[in-house]
PDB file of N, CA and C in Angstrom:
ATOM      1  N   MET A   1      17.307  10.029   8.155  1.00  0.00           N
ATOM      2  CA  MET A   1      16.573   8.974   7.437  1.00  0.00           C
ATOM      3  C   MET A   1      16.882   9.089   5.941  1.00  0.00           C
ATOM      4  N   SER A   2      17.188   7.967   5.322  1.00  0.00           N
ATOM      5  CA  SER A   2      17.583   7.989   3.916  1.00  0.00           C
ATOM      6  C   SER A   2      16.380   8.260   3.017  1.00  0.00           C
ATOM      7  N   VAL A   3      16.667   8.956   1.916  1.00  0.00           N
ATOM      8  CA  VAL A   3      15.588   9.266   0.966  1.00  0.00           C
ATOM      9  C   VAL A   3      15.027   7.982   0.371  1.00  0.00           C
ATOM     10  N   LYS A   4      15.905   7.015   0.105  1.00  0.00           N
ATOM     11  CA  LYS A   4      15.450   5.747  -0.471  1.00  0.00           C
ATOM     12  C   LYS A   4      14.478   5.046   0.471  1.00  0.00           C
ATOM     13  N   VAL A   5      14.751   5.112   1.770  1.00  0.00           N
ATOM     14  CA  VAL A   5      13.867   4.465   2.746  1.00  0.00           C
ATOM     15  C   VAL A   5      12.486   5.104   2.704  1.00  0.00           C
ATOM     16  N   VAL A   6      12.470   6.427   2.607  1.00  0.00           N
ATOM     17  CA  VAL A   6      11.181   7.139   2.564  1.00  0.00           C
ATOM     18  C   VAL A   6      10.413   6.779   1.299  1.00  0.00           C
ATOM     19  N   GLN A   7      11.116   6.750   0.160  1.00  0.00           N
ATOM     20  CA  GLN A   7      10.457   6.416  -1.105  1.00  0.00           C
ATOM     21  C   GLN A   7       9.934   4.991  -1.074  1.00  0.00           C
ATOM     22  N   LEU A   8      10.737   4.067  -0.513  1.00  0.00           N
ATOM     23  CA  LEU A   8      10.320   2.673  -0.437  1.00  0.00           C
ATOM     24  C   LEU A   8       9.098   2.540   0.463  1.00  0.00           C
ATOM     25  N   GLY A   9       9.089   3.245   1.562  1.00  0.00           N
ATOM     26  CA  GLY A   9       7.951   3.197   2.476  1.00  0.00           C
ATOM     27  C   GLY A   9       6.684   3.710   1.807  1.00  0.00           C
ATOM     28  N   ALA A  10       6.827   4.796   1.038  1.00  0.00           N
ATOM     29  CA  ALA A  10       5.667   5.370   0.350  1.00  0.00           C
ATOM     30  C   ALA A  10       5.143   4.400  -0.699  1.00  0.00           C
ATOM     31  N   LEU A  11       6.071   3.719  -1.382  1.00  0.00           N
ATOM     32  CA  LEU A  11       5.663   2.756  -2.410  1.00  0.00           C
ATOM     33  C   LEU A  11       4.926   1.583  -1.780  1.00  0.00           C
ATOM     34  N   LEU A  12       5.466   1.073  -0.680  1.00  0.00           N
ATOM     35  CA  LEU A  12       4.818  -0.058  -0.002  1.00  0.00           C
ATOM     36  C   LEU A  12       3.432   0.340   0.503  1.00  0.00           C
ATOM     37  N   LEU A  13       3.315   1.575   0.995  1.00  0.00           N
ATOM     38  CA  LEU A  13       2.027   2.037   1.504  1.00  0.00           C
ATOM     39  C   LEU A  13       1.006   2.105   0.374  1.00  0.00           C
ATOM     40  N   LYS A  14       1.465   2.607  -0.801  1.00  0.00           N
ATOM     41  CA  LYS A  14       0.562   2.705  -1.945  1.00  0.00           C
ATOM     42  C   LYS A  14       0.114   1.312  -2.386  1.00  0.00           C
ATOM     43  N   VAL A  15       1.058   0.377  -2.429  1.00  0.00           N
ATOM     44  CA  VAL A  15       0.735  -0.996  -2.840  1.00  0.00           C
ATOM     45  C   VAL A  15      -0.240  -1.622  -1.855  1.00  0.00           C
ATOM     46  N   TRP A  16       0.006  -1.425  -0.555  1.00  0.00           N
ATOM     47  CA  TRP A  16      -0.872  -1.997   0.466  1.00  0.00           C
ATOM     48  C   TRP A  16      -2.286  -1.448   0.332  1.00  0.00           C
ATOM     49  N   ASN A  17      -2.385  -0.128   0.100  1.00  0.00           N
ATOM     50  CA  ASN A  17      -3.708   0.482  -0.046  1.00  0.00           C
ATOM     51  C   ASN A  17      -4.442  -0.104  -1.243  1.00  0.00           C
ATOM     52  N   THR A  18      -3.714  -0.315  -2.341  1.00  0.00           N
ATOM     53  CA  THR A  18      -4.329  -0.879  -3.547  1.00  0.00           C
ATOM     54  C   THR A  18      -4.823  -2.295  -3.284  1.00  0.00           C
ATOM     55  N   VAL A  19      -3.977  -3.107  -2.646  1.00  0.00           N
ATOM     56  CA  VAL A  19      -4.354  -4.494  -2.351  1.00  0.00           C
ATOM     57  C   VAL A  19      -5.559  -4.531  -1.417  1.00  0.00           C
ATOM     58  N   ARG A  20      -5.564  -3.641  -0.431  1.00  0.00           N
ATOM     59  CA  ARG A  20      -6.672  -3.622   0.530  1.00  0.00           C
ATOM     60  C   ARG A  20      -7.983  -3.270  -0.164  1.00  0.00           C
ATOM     61  N   VAL A  21      -7.940  -2.319  -1.093  1.00  0.00           N
ATOM     62  CA  VAL A  21      -9.148  -1.927  -1.827  1.00  0.00           C
ATOM     63  C   VAL A  21      -9.666  -3.090  -2.651  1.00  0.00           C
ATOM     64  N   ILE A  22      -8.731  -3.807  -3.298  1.00  0.00           N
ATOM     65  CA  ILE A  22      -9.137  -4.958  -4.120  1.00  0.00           C
ATOM     66  C   ILE A  22      -9.785  -6.028  -3.251  1.00  0.00           C
ATOM     67  N   LEU A  23      -9.197  -6.299  -2.084  1.00  0.00           N
ATOM     68  CA  LEU A  23      -9.743  -7.321  -1.200  1.00  0.00           C
ATOM     69  C   LEU A  23     -11.127  -6.918  -0.699  1.00  0.00           C
ATOM     70  N   VAL A  24     -11.297  -5.645  -0.395  1.00  0.00           N
ATOM     71  CA  VAL A  24     -12.594  -5.169   0.097  1.00  0.00           C
ATOM     72  C   VAL A  24     -13.646  -5.305  -1.002  1.00  0.00           C
ATOM     73  N   ARG A  25     -13.247  -5.031  -2.251  1.00  0.00           N
ATOM     74  CA  ARG A  25     -14.209  -5.130  -3.349  1.00  0.00           C
ATOM     75  C   ARG A  25     -14.615  -6.579  -3.573  1.00  0.00           C
ATOM     76  N   GLU A  26     -13.650  -7.495  -3.454  1.00  0.00           N
ATOM     77  CA  GLU A  26     -13.944  -8.898  -3.702  1.00  0.00           C
ATOM     78  C   GLU A  26     -14.776  -9.504  -2.573  1.00  0.00           C
ATOM     79  N   LYS A  27     -14.470  -9.105  -1.345  1.00  0.00           N
ATOM     80  CA  LYS A  27     -15.194  -9.679  -0.208  1.00  0.00           C
ATOM     81  C   LYS A  27     -15.622  -8.577   0.752  1.00  0.00           C
ATOM     82  N   PRO A  28     -16.722  -7.907   0.478  1.00  0.00           N
ATOM     83  CA  PRO A  28     -17.217  -6.859   1.378  1.00  0.00           C
ATOM     84  C   PRO A  28     -17.552  -7.430   2.746  1.00  0.00           C
ATOM     85  N   ASP A  29     -17.100  -6.728   3.773  1.00  0.00           N
ATOM     86  CA  ASP A  29     -17.323  -7.230   5.130  1.00  0.00           C
ATOM     87  C   ASP A  29     -17.895  -6.110   5.996  1.00  0.00           C
TER      88      ASP A  29
END
């Protein structure tokens, strides 16, 4: 597995977590 793929995956995961937190704060469910 390429190092770039791992780094990209980690970055996407971090971004997704941030977006999810923002959405939860705006609309608690």
